[in-house]
Amino acid sequence: FADYCPNGLQVQGGERVRRIVSGVTASQALVDAAIAAQ
């Protein structure tokens, strides 16, 4: 796809994943909710 943004990893975090939080838009509110959900 020739897209309007990069697809895939946009900000690198930890090397292992145990818990995913998903949502429509990476707003501050969703970022804060992901932090609260660890």
Full PDB file with SEQRES, HELIX, SHEET, SSBOND, CRYST1, ORIGX, SCALE, CONECT and MASTER records, all heavy atoms in Angstrom:
SEQRES   1 A   38  PHE ALA ASP TYR CYS PRO ASN GLY LEU GLN VAL GLN GLY          
SEQRES   2 A   38  GLY GLU ARG VAL ARG ARG ILE VAL SER GLY VAL THR ALA          
SEQRES   3 A   38  SER GLN ALA LEU VAL ASP ALA ALA ILE ALA ALA GLN              
HELIX    1 AA1 GLN A   28  ALA A   36  1                                   9    
CRYST1    1.000    1.000    1.000  90.00  90.00  90.00 P 1           1          
ORIGX1      1.000000  0.000000  0.000000        0.00000                         
ORIGX2      0.000000  1.000000  0.000000        0.00000                         
ORIGX3      0.000000  0.000000  1.000000        0.00000                         
SCALE1      1.000000  0.000000  0.000000        0.00000                         
SCALE2      0.000000  1.000000  0.000000        0.00000                         
SCALE3      0.000000  0.000000  1.000000        0.00000                         
ATOM      1  N   PHE A   1       0.817  -1.209   0.000  1.00  0.00           N  
ATOM      2  CA  PHE A   1       0.000   0.000   0.000  1.00  0.00           C  
ATOM      3  C   PHE A   1       0.854   1.264   0.000  1.00  0.00           C  
ATOM      4  O   PHE A   1       1.801   1.383   0.775  1.00  0.00           O  
ATOM      5  CB  PHE A   1      -0.915   0.021   1.220  1.00  0.00           C  
ATOM      6  CG  PHE A   1      -1.974  -1.032   1.194  1.00  0.00           C  
ATOM      7  CD1 PHE A   1      -1.702  -2.321   1.641  1.00  0.00           C  
ATOM      8  CD2 PHE A   1      -3.243  -0.757   0.725  1.00  0.00           C  
ATOM      9  CE1 PHE A   1      -2.664  -3.304   1.624  1.00  0.00           C  
ATOM     10  CE2 PHE A   1      -4.220  -1.728   0.705  1.00  0.00           C  
ATOM     11  CZ  PHE A   1      -3.930  -3.015   1.136  1.00  0.00           C  
ATOM     12  N   ALA A   2       0.495   2.204  -0.871  1.00  0.00           N  
ATOM     13  CA  ALA A   2       1.032   3.565  -0.819  1.00  0.00           C  
ATOM     14  C   ALA A   2       0.054   4.364   0.042  1.00  0.00           C  
ATOM     15  O   ALA A   2      -1.021   4.751  -0.427  1.00  0.00           O  
ATOM     16  CB  ALA A   2       1.145   4.155  -2.211  1.00  0.00           C  
ATOM     17  N   ASP A   3       0.405   4.592   1.293  1.00  0.00           N  
ATOM     18  CA  ASP A   3      -0.542   5.132   2.260  1.00  0.00           C  
ATOM     19  C   ASP A   3      -0.172   6.564   2.635  1.00  0.00           C  
ATOM     20  O   ASP A   3       0.854   7.101   2.215  1.00  0.00           O  
ATOM     21  CB  ASP A   3      -0.557   4.234   3.504  1.00  0.00           C  
ATOM     22  CG  ASP A   3      -1.903   4.214   4.204  1.00  0.00           C  
ATOM     23  OD1 ASP A   3      -2.664   5.183   4.071  1.00  0.00           O  
ATOM     24  OD2 ASP A   3      -2.184   3.216   4.895  1.00  0.00           O  
ATOM     25  N   TYR A   4      -1.013   7.170   3.467  1.00  0.00           N  
ATOM     26  CA  TYR A   4      -0.813   8.539   3.923  1.00  0.00           C  
ATOM     27  C   TYR A   4       0.034   8.600   5.190  1.00  0.00           C  
ATOM     28  O   TYR A   4       0.299   9.686   5.707  1.00  0.00           O  
ATOM     29  CB  TYR A   4      -2.170   9.202   4.199  1.00  0.00           C  
ATOM     30  CG  TYR A   4      -3.148   9.059   3.072  1.00  0.00           C  
ATOM     31  CD1 TYR A   4      -4.186   8.133   3.145  1.00  0.00           C  
ATOM     32  CD2 TYR A   4      -3.039   9.835   1.919  1.00  0.00           C  
ATOM     33  CE1 TYR A   4      -5.082   7.981   2.099  1.00  0.00           C  
ATOM     34  CE2 TYR A   4      -3.943   9.694   0.874  1.00  0.00           C  
ATOM     35  CZ  TYR A   4      -4.957   8.770   0.966  1.00  0.00           C  
ATOM     36  OH  TYR A   4      -5.845   8.619  -0.071  1.00  0.00           O  
ATOM     37  N   CYS A   5       0.422   7.448   5.719  1.00  0.00           N  
ATOM     38  CA  CYS A   5       1.188   7.365   6.948  1.00  0.00           C  
ATOM     39  C   CYS A   5       1.948   6.047   6.942  1.00  0.00           C  
ATOM     40  O   CYS A   5       1.629   5.148   6.161  1.00  0.00           O  
ATOM     41  CB  CYS A   5       0.259   7.421   8.166  1.00  0.00           C  
ATOM     42  SG  CYS A   5      -0.900   6.035   8.219  1.00  0.00           S  
ATOM     43  N   PRO A   6       2.968   5.899   7.783  1.00  0.00           N  
ATOM     44  CA  PRO A   6       3.659   4.609   7.865  1.00  0.00           C  
ATOM     45  C   PRO A   6       2.779   3.560   8.527  1.00  0.00           C  
ATOM     46  O   PRO A   6       2.116   3.829   9.532  1.00  0.00           O  
ATOM     47  CB  PRO A   6       4.892   4.924   8.724  1.00  0.00           C  
ATOM     48  CG  PRO A   6       4.521   6.137   9.506  1.00  0.00           C  
ATOM     49  CD  PRO A   6       3.585   6.926   8.654  1.00  0.00           C  
ATOM     50  N   ASN A   7       2.756   2.371   7.941  1.00  0.00           N  
ATOM     51  CA  ASN A   7       2.018   1.255   8.519  1.00  0.00           C  
ATOM     52  C   ASN A   7       2.964   0.351   9.286  1.00  0.00           C  
ATOM     53  O   ASN A   7       4.100   0.123   8.870  1.00  0.00           O  
ATOM     54  CB  ASN A   7       1.311   0.458   7.423  1.00  0.00           C  
ATOM     55  CG  ASN A   7       0.096   1.179   6.886  1.00  0.00           C  
ATOM     56  OD1 ASN A   7      -0.877   1.405   7.597  1.00  0.00           O  
ATOM     57  ND2 ASN A   7       0.154   1.561   5.614  1.00  0.00           N  
ATOM     58  N   GLY A   8       2.492  -0.165  10.416  1.00  0.00           N  
ATOM     59  CA  GLY A   8       3.316  -1.017  11.254  1.00  0.00           C  
ATOM     60  C   GLY A   8       3.803  -0.258  12.478  1.00  0.00           C  
ATOM     61  O   GLY A   8       3.094   0.583  13.041  1.00  0.00           O  
ATOM     62  N   LEU A   9       5.032  -0.546  12.887  1.00  0.00           N  
ATOM     63  CA  LEU A   9       5.582   0.069  14.096  1.00  0.00           C  
ATOM     64  C   LEU A   9       5.861   1.551  13.865  1.00  0.00           C  
ATOM     65  O   LEU A   9       6.603   1.923  12.961  1.00  0.00           O  
ATOM     66  CB  LEU A   9       6.878  -0.642  14.493  1.00  0.00           C  
ATOM     67  CG  LEU A   9       7.544  -0.173  15.784  1.00  0.00           C  
ATOM     68  CD1 LEU A   9       6.653  -0.443  16.998  1.00  0.00           C  
ATOM     69  CD2 LEU A   9       8.903  -0.847  15.946  1.00  0.00           C  
ATOM     70  N   GLN A  10       5.284   2.407  14.709  1.00  0.00           N  
ATOM     71  CA  GLN A  10       5.504   3.849  14.615  1.00  0.00           C  
ATOM     72  C   GLN A  10       6.328   4.381  15.781  1.00  0.00           C  
ATOM     73  O   GLN A  10       7.086   5.335  15.611  1.00  0.00           O  
ATOM     74  CB  GLN A  10       4.159   4.588  14.545  1.00  0.00           C  
ATOM     75  CG  GLN A  10       3.401   4.339  13.248  1.00  0.00           C  
ATOM     76  CD  GLN A  10       2.215   5.270  13.087  1.00  0.00           C  
ATOM     77  OE1 GLN A  10       1.732   5.878  14.042  1.00  0.00           O  
ATOM     78  NE2 GLN A  10       1.728   5.389  11.866  1.00  0.00           N  
ATOM     79  N   VAL A  11       6.170   3.813  16.954  1.00  0.00           N  
ATOM     80  CA  VAL A  11       6.974   4.180  18.122  1.00  0.00           C  
ATOM     81  C   VAL A  11       7.430   2.876  18.779  1.00  0.00           C  
ATOM     82  O   VAL A  11       6.610   2.032  19.124  1.00  0.00           O  
ATOM     83  CB  VAL A  11       6.177   5.031  19.132  1.00  0.00           C  
ATOM     84  CG1 VAL A  11       7.036   5.338  20.358  1.00  0.00           C  
ATOM     85  CG2 VAL A  11       5.684   6.320  18.488  1.00  0.00           C  
ATOM     86  N   GLN A  12       8.746   2.741  18.934  1.00  0.00           N  
ATOM     87  CA  GLN A  12       9.295   1.493  19.473  1.00  0.00           C  
ATOM     88  C   GLN A  12       9.227   1.469  20.993  1.00  0.00           C  
ATOM     89  O   GLN A  12       9.580   2.437  21.669  1.00  0.00           O  
ATOM     90  CB  GLN A  12      10.745   1.320  19.029  1.00  0.00           C  
ATOM     91  CG  GLN A  12      11.362  -0.009  19.421  1.00  0.00           C  
ATOM     92  CD  GLN A  12      12.746  -0.185  18.831  1.00  0.00           C  
ATOM     93  OE1 GLN A  12      13.229   0.648  18.078  1.00  0.00           O  
ATOM     94  NE2 GLN A  12      13.401  -1.277  19.196  1.00  0.00           N  
ATOM     95  N   GLY A  13       8.754   0.339  21.518  1.00  0.00           N  
ATOM     96  CA  GLY A  13       8.705   0.134  22.957  1.00  0.00           C  
ATOM     97  C   GLY A  13       9.451  -1.125  23.350  1.00  0.00           C  
ATOM     98  O   GLY A  13      10.542  -1.397  22.838  1.00  0.00           O  
ATOM     99  N   GLY A  14       8.875  -1.910  24.223  1.00  0.00           N  
ATOM    100  CA  GLY A  14       9.533  -3.106  24.726  1.00  0.00           C  
ATOM    101  C   GLY A  14       9.673  -4.202  23.687  1.00  0.00           C  
ATOM    102  O   GLY A  14       8.976  -4.218  22.663  1.00  0.00           O  
ATOM    103  N   GLU A  15      10.557  -5.149  23.973  1.00  0.00           N  
ATOM    104  CA  GLU A  15      10.870  -6.217  23.023  1.00  0.00           C  
ATOM    105  C   GLU A  15       9.923  -7.406  23.137  1.00  0.00           C  
ATOM    106  O   GLU A  15       9.985  -8.316  22.298  1.00  0.00           O  
ATOM    107  CB  GLU A  15      12.311  -6.692  23.238  1.00  0.00           C  
ATOM    108  CG  GLU A  15      13.347  -5.617  22.947  1.00  0.00           C  
ATOM    109  CD  GLU A  15      14.765  -6.108  23.155  1.00  0.00           C  
ATOM    110  OE1 GLU A  15      14.935  -7.252  23.641  1.00  0.00           O  
ATOM    111  OE2 GLU A  15      15.698  -5.350  22.822  1.00  0.00           O  
ATOM    112  N   ARG A  16       9.080  -7.439  24.155  1.00  0.00           N  
ATOM    113  CA  ARG A  16       8.139  -8.537  24.339  1.00  0.00           C  
ATOM    114  C   ARG A  16       6.738  -7.968  24.570  1.00  0.00           C  
ATOM    115  O   ARG A  16       6.576  -6.897  25.160  1.00  0.00           O  
ATOM    116  CB  ARG A  16       8.539  -9.403  25.534  1.00  0.00           C  
ATOM    117  CG  ARG A  16       9.947  -9.966  25.460  1.00  0.00           C  
ATOM    118  CD  ARG A  16      10.049 -11.165  24.550  1.00  0.00           C  
ATOM    119  NE  ARG A  16       9.456 -12.351  25.162  1.00  0.00           N  
ATOM    120  CZ  ARG A  16       9.308 -13.511  24.520  1.00  0.00           C  
ATOM    121  NH1 ARG A  16       9.676 -13.631  23.266  1.00  0.00           N  
ATOM    122  NH2 ARG A  16       8.785 -14.552  25.152  1.00  0.00           N  
ATOM    123  N   VAL A  17       5.730  -8.704  24.092  1.00  0.00           N  
ATOM    124  CA  VAL A  17       4.341  -8.259  24.211  1.00  0.00           C  
ATOM    125  C   VAL A  17       3.534  -9.320  24.952  1.00  0.00           C  
ATOM    126  O   VAL A  17       3.480 -10.479  24.524  1.00  0.00           O  
ATOM    127  CB  VAL A  17       3.710  -8.004  22.827  1.00  0.00           C  
ATOM    128  CG1 VAL A  17       2.227  -7.653  22.974  1.00  0.00           C  
ATOM    129  CG2 VAL A  17       4.451  -6.883  22.102  1.00  0.00           C  
ATOM    130  N   ARG A  18       2.928  -8.900  26.049  1.00  0.00           N  
ATOM    131  CA  ARG A  18       2.013  -9.758  26.797  1.00  0.00           C  
ATOM    132  C   ARG A  18       0.588  -9.259  26.688  1.00  0.00           C  
ATOM    133  O   ARG A  18      -0.348 -10.043  26.656  1.00  0.00           O  
ATOM    134  CB  ARG A  18       2.432  -9.812  28.277  1.00  0.00           C  
ATOM    135  CG  ARG A  18       1.509 -10.617  29.179  1.00  0.00           C  
ATOM    136  CD  ARG A  18       2.079 -10.726  30.591  1.00  0.00           C  
ATOM    137  NE  ARG A  18       2.327  -9.414  31.179  1.00  0.00           N  
ATOM    138  CZ  ARG A  18       1.424  -8.739  31.895  1.00  0.00           C  
ATOM    139  NH1 ARG A  18       0.228  -9.251  32.119  1.00  0.00           N  
ATOM    140  NH2 ARG A  18       1.725  -7.554  32.410  1.00  0.00           N  
ATOM    141  N   ARG A  19       0.438  -7.917  26.621  1.00  0.00           N  
ATOM    142  CA  ARG A  19      -0.906  -7.329  26.613  1.00  0.00           C  
ATOM    143  C   ARG A  19      -0.998  -6.256  25.527  1.00  0.00           C  
ATOM    144  O   ARG A  19      -0.183  -5.336  25.476  1.00  0.00           O  
ATOM    145  CB  ARG A  19      -1.229  -6.724  27.977  1.00  0.00           C  
ATOM    146  CG  ARG A  19      -2.612  -6.093  28.065  1.00  0.00           C  
ATOM    147  CD  ARG A  19      -2.892  -5.581  29.463  1.00  0.00           C  
ATOM    148  NE  ARG A  19      -2.921  -6.693  30.429  1.00  0.00           N  
ATOM    149  CZ  ARG A  19      -2.231  -6.704  31.558  1.00  0.00           C  
ATOM    150  NH1 ARG A  19      -1.446  -5.690  31.872  1.00  0.00           N  
ATOM    151  NH2 ARG A  19      -2.323  -7.735  32.382  1.00  0.00           N  
ATOM    152  N   ILE A  20      -2.006  -6.385  24.678  1.00  0.00           N  
ATOM    153  CA  ILE A  20      -2.310  -5.396  23.644  1.00  0.00           C  
ATOM    154  C   ILE A  20      -3.541  -4.607  24.064  1.00  0.00           C  
ATOM    155  O   ILE A  20      -4.538  -5.181  24.517  1.00  0.00           O  
ATOM    156  CB  ILE A  20      -2.588  -6.074  22.291  1.00  0.00           C  
ATOM    157  CG1 ILE A  20      -1.335  -6.762  21.750  1.00  0.00           C  
ATOM    158  CG2 ILE A  20      -3.113  -5.069  21.266  1.00  0.00           C  
ATOM    159  CD1 ILE A  20      -1.583  -7.582  20.487  1.00  0.00           C  
ATOM    160  N   VAL A  21      -3.478  -3.297  23.903  1.00  0.00           N  
ATOM    161  CA  VAL A  21      -4.670  -2.450  23.948  1.00  0.00           C  
ATOM    162  C   VAL A  21      -4.893  -1.925  22.547  1.00  0.00           C  
ATOM    163  O   VAL A  21      -3.956  -1.467  21.882  1.00  0.00           O  
ATOM    164  CB  VAL A  21      -4.515  -1.287  24.949  1.00  0.00           C  
ATOM    165  CG1 VAL A  21      -5.548  -0.191  24.674  1.00  0.00           C  
ATOM    166  CG2 VAL A  21      -4.669  -1.793  26.376  1.00  0.00           C  
ATOM    167  N   SER A  22      -6.118  -2.016  22.050  1.00  0.00           N  
ATOM    168  CA  SER A  22      -6.439  -1.483  20.730  1.00  0.00           C  
ATOM    169  C   SER A  22      -7.479  -0.389  20.841  1.00  0.00           C  
ATOM    170  O   SER A  22      -8.242  -0.327  21.813  1.00  0.00           O  
ATOM    171  CB  SER A  22      -6.945  -2.597  19.797  1.00  0.00           C  
ATOM    172  OG  SER A  22      -8.196  -3.108  20.250  1.00  0.00           O  
ATOM    173  N   GLY A  23      -7.495   0.479  19.849  1.00  0.00           N  
ATOM    174  CA  GLY A  23      -8.454   1.569  19.773  1.00  0.00           C  
ATOM    175  C   GLY A  23      -8.379   2.203  18.409  1.00  0.00           C  
ATOM    176  O   GLY A  23      -7.483   1.893  17.609  1.00  0.00           O  
ATOM    177  N   VAL A  24      -9.288   3.110  18.121  1.00  0.00           N  
ATOM    178  CA  VAL A  24      -9.363   3.687  16.780  1.00  0.00           C  
ATOM    179  C   VAL A  24      -8.228   4.669  16.533  1.00  0.00           C  
ATOM    180  O   VAL A  24      -7.519   4.584  15.518  1.00  0.00           O  
ATOM    181  CB  VAL A  24     -10.726   4.370  16.554  1.00  0.00           C  
ATOM    182  CG1 VAL A  24     -10.779   5.016  15.167  1.00  0.00           C  
ATOM    183  CG2 VAL A  24     -11.866   3.364  16.714  1.00  0.00           C  
ATOM    184  N   THR A  25      -8.013   5.603  17.438  1.00  0.00           N  
ATOM    185  CA  THR A  25      -7.069   6.704  17.221  1.00  0.00           C  
ATOM    186  C   THR A  25      -6.141   6.848  18.421  1.00  0.00           C  
ATOM    187  O   THR A  25      -6.593   6.808  19.568  1.00  0.00           O  
ATOM    188  CB  THR A  25      -7.836   8.026  17.007  1.00  0.00           C  
ATOM    189  OG1 THR A  25      -8.667   7.896  15.853  1.00  0.00           O  
ATOM    190  CG2 THR A  25      -6.880   9.198  16.807  1.00  0.00           C  
ATOM    191  N   ALA A  26      -4.862   7.059  18.150  1.00  0.00           N  
ATOM    192  CA  ALA A  26      -3.863   7.170  19.217  1.00  0.00           C  
ATOM    193  C   ALA A  26      -3.883   8.564  19.846  1.00  0.00           C  
ATOM    194  O   ALA A  26      -2.886   9.287  19.862  1.00  0.00           O  
ATOM    195  CB  ALA A  26      -2.475   6.845  18.679  1.00  0.00           C  
ATOM    196  N   SER A  27      -5.041   8.935  20.373  1.00  0.00           N  
ATOM    197  CA  SER A  27      -5.191  10.201  21.086  1.00  0.00           C  
ATOM    198  C   SER A  27      -4.511  10.099  22.445  1.00  0.00           C  
ATOM    199  O   SER A  27      -4.134   9.018  22.893  1.00  0.00           O  
ATOM    200  CB  SER A  27      -6.670  10.509  21.282  1.00  0.00           C  
ATOM    201  OG  SER A  27      -7.261   9.496  22.091  1.00  0.00           O  
ATOM    202  N   GLN A  28      -4.369  11.248  23.124  1.00  0.00           N  
ATOM    203  CA  GLN A  28      -3.798  11.222  24.466  1.00  0.00           C  
ATOM    204  C   GLN A  28      -4.651  10.389  25.407  1.00  0.00           C  
ATOM    205  O   GLN A  28      -4.132   9.659  26.263  1.00  0.00           O  
ATOM    206  CB  GLN A  28      -3.658  12.649  25.015  1.00  0.00           C  
ATOM    207  CG  GLN A  28      -2.911  12.725  26.337  1.00  0.00           C  
ATOM    208  CD  GLN A  28      -1.434  12.377  26.190  1.00  0.00           C  
ATOM    209  OE1 GLN A  28      -0.726  13.015  25.433  1.00  0.00           O  
ATOM    210  NE2 GLN A  28      -0.976  11.353  26.916  1.00  0.00           N  
ATOM    211  N   ALA A  29      -5.961  10.461  25.246  1.00  0.00           N  
ATOM    212  CA  ALA A  29      -6.854   9.689  26.107  1.00  0.00           C  
ATOM    213  C   ALA A  29      -6.623   8.189  25.939  1.00  0.00           C  
ATOM    214  O   ALA A  29      -6.635   7.437  26.925  1.00  0.00           O  
ATOM    215  CB  ALA A  29      -8.315  10.034  25.812  1.00  0.00           C  
ATOM    216  N   LEU A  30      -6.420   7.739  24.693  1.00  0.00           N  
ATOM    217  CA  LEU A  30      -6.171   6.316  24.482  1.00  0.00           C  
ATOM    218  C   LEU A  30      -4.784   5.924  24.973  1.00  0.00           C  
ATOM    219  O   LEU A  30      -4.607   4.845  25.560  1.00  0.00           O  
ATOM    220  CB  LEU A  30      -6.333   5.951  23.008  1.00  0.00           C  
ATOM    221  CG  LEU A  30      -6.188   4.460  22.692  1.00  0.00           C  
ATOM    222  CD1 LEU A  30      -7.213   3.628  23.452  1.00  0.00           C  
ATOM    223  CD2 LEU A  30      -6.293   4.210  21.195  1.00  0.00           C  
ATOM    224  N   VAL A  31      -3.798   6.782  24.770  1.00  0.00           N  
ATOM    225  CA  VAL A  31      -2.459   6.515  25.294  1.00  0.00           C  
ATOM    226  C   VAL A  31      -2.519   6.370  26.818  1.00  0.00           C  
ATOM    227  O   VAL A  31      -1.955   5.433  27.394  1.00  0.00           O  
ATOM    228  CB  VAL A  31      -1.471   7.619  24.888  1.00  0.00           C  
ATOM    229  CG1 VAL A  31      -0.147   7.480  25.637  1.00  0.00           C  
ATOM    230  CG2 VAL A  31      -1.233   7.591  23.377  1.00  0.00           C  
ATOM    231  N   ASP A  32      -3.220   7.279  27.486  1.00  0.00           N  
ATOM    232  CA  ASP A  32      -3.343   7.219  28.945  1.00  0.00           C  
ATOM    233  C   ASP A  32      -4.057   5.936  29.378  1.00  0.00           C  
ATOM    234  O   ASP A  32      -3.683   5.318  30.400  1.00  0.00           O  
ATOM    235  CB  ASP A  32      -4.112   8.436  29.461  1.00  0.00           C  
ATOM    236  CG  ASP A  32      -3.321   9.735  29.295  1.00  0.00           C  
ATOM    237  OD1 ASP A  32      -2.095   9.666  29.087  1.00  0.00           O  
ATOM    238  OD2 ASP A  32      -3.952  10.812  29.360  1.00  0.00           O  
ATOM    239  N   ALA A  33      -5.076   5.521  28.624  1.00  0.00           N  
ATOM    240  CA  ALA A  33      -5.800   4.297  28.954  1.00  0.00           C  
ATOM    241  C   ALA A  33      -4.901   3.072  28.785  1.00  0.00           C  
ATOM    242  O   ALA A  33      -4.966   2.126  29.576  1.00  0.00           O  
ATOM    243  CB  ALA A  33      -7.046   4.167  28.080  1.00  0.00           C  
ATOM    244  N   ALA A  34      -4.055   3.088  27.748  1.00  0.00           N  
ATOM    245  CA  ALA A  34      -3.118   1.986  27.532  1.00  0.00           C  
ATOM    246  C   ALA A  34      -2.097   1.906  28.667  1.00  0.00           C  
ATOM    247  O   ALA A  34      -1.730   0.816  29.116  1.00  0.00           O  
ATOM    248  CB  ALA A  34      -2.419   2.148  26.186  1.00  0.00           C  
ATOM    249  N   ILE A  35      -1.648   3.057  29.129  1.00  0.00           N  
ATOM    250  CA  ILE A  35      -0.719   3.088  30.268  1.00  0.00           C  
ATOM    251  C   ILE A  35      -1.388   2.514  31.510  1.00  0.00           C  
ATOM    252  O   ILE A  35      -0.810   1.683  32.230  1.00  0.00           O  
ATOM    253  CB  ILE A  35      -0.238   4.533  30.525  1.00  0.00           C  
ATOM    254  CG1 ILE A  35       0.634   5.015  29.360  1.00  0.00           C  
ATOM    255  CG2 ILE A  35       0.511   4.628  31.848  1.00  0.00           C  
ATOM    256  CD1 ILE A  35       0.928   6.515  29.385  1.00  0.00           C  
ATOM    257  N   ALA A  36      -2.634   2.939  31.772  1.00  0.00           N  
ATOM    258  CA  ALA A  36      -3.367   2.450  32.942  1.00  0.00           C  
ATOM    259  C   ALA A  36      -3.595   0.940  32.871  1.00  0.00           C  
ATOM    260  O   ALA A  36      -3.611   0.262  33.903  1.00  0.00           O  
ATOM    261  CB  ALA A  36      -4.696   3.185  33.064  1.00  0.00           C  
ATOM    262  N   ALA A  37      -3.761   0.427  31.657  1.00  0.00           N  
ATOM    263  CA  ALA A  37      -3.991  -1.011  31.468  1.00  0.00           C  
ATOM    264  C   ALA A  37      -2.688  -1.805  31.441  1.00  0.00           C  
ATOM    265  O   ALA A  37      -2.728  -3.021  31.279  1.00  0.00           O  
ATOM    266  CB  ALA A  37      -4.766  -1.246  30.180  1.00  0.00           C  
ATOM    267  N   GLN A  38      -1.565  -1.113  31.573  1.00  0.00           N  
ATOM    268  CA  GLN A  38      -0.239  -1.746  31.554  1.00  0.00           C  
ATOM    269  C   GLN A  38      -0.005  -2.514  30.238  1.00  0.00           C  
ATOM    270  O   GLN A  38       0.494  -3.635  30.219  1.00  0.00           O  
ATOM    271  CB  GLN A  38      -0.052  -2.660  32.758  1.00  0.00           C  
ATOM    272  CG  GLN A  38      -0.109  -1.918  34.086  1.00  0.00           C  
ATOM    273  CD  GLN A  38       0.148  -2.824  35.278  1.00  0.00           C  
ATOM    274  OE1 GLN A  38      -0.302  -3.962  35.325  1.00  0.00           O  
ATOM    275  NE2 GLN A  38       0.902  -2.311  36.253  1.00  0.00           N  
TER     276      GLN A  38                                                      
MASTER        0    0    0    1    0    0    0    6  275    1    0    3          
END                                                                             
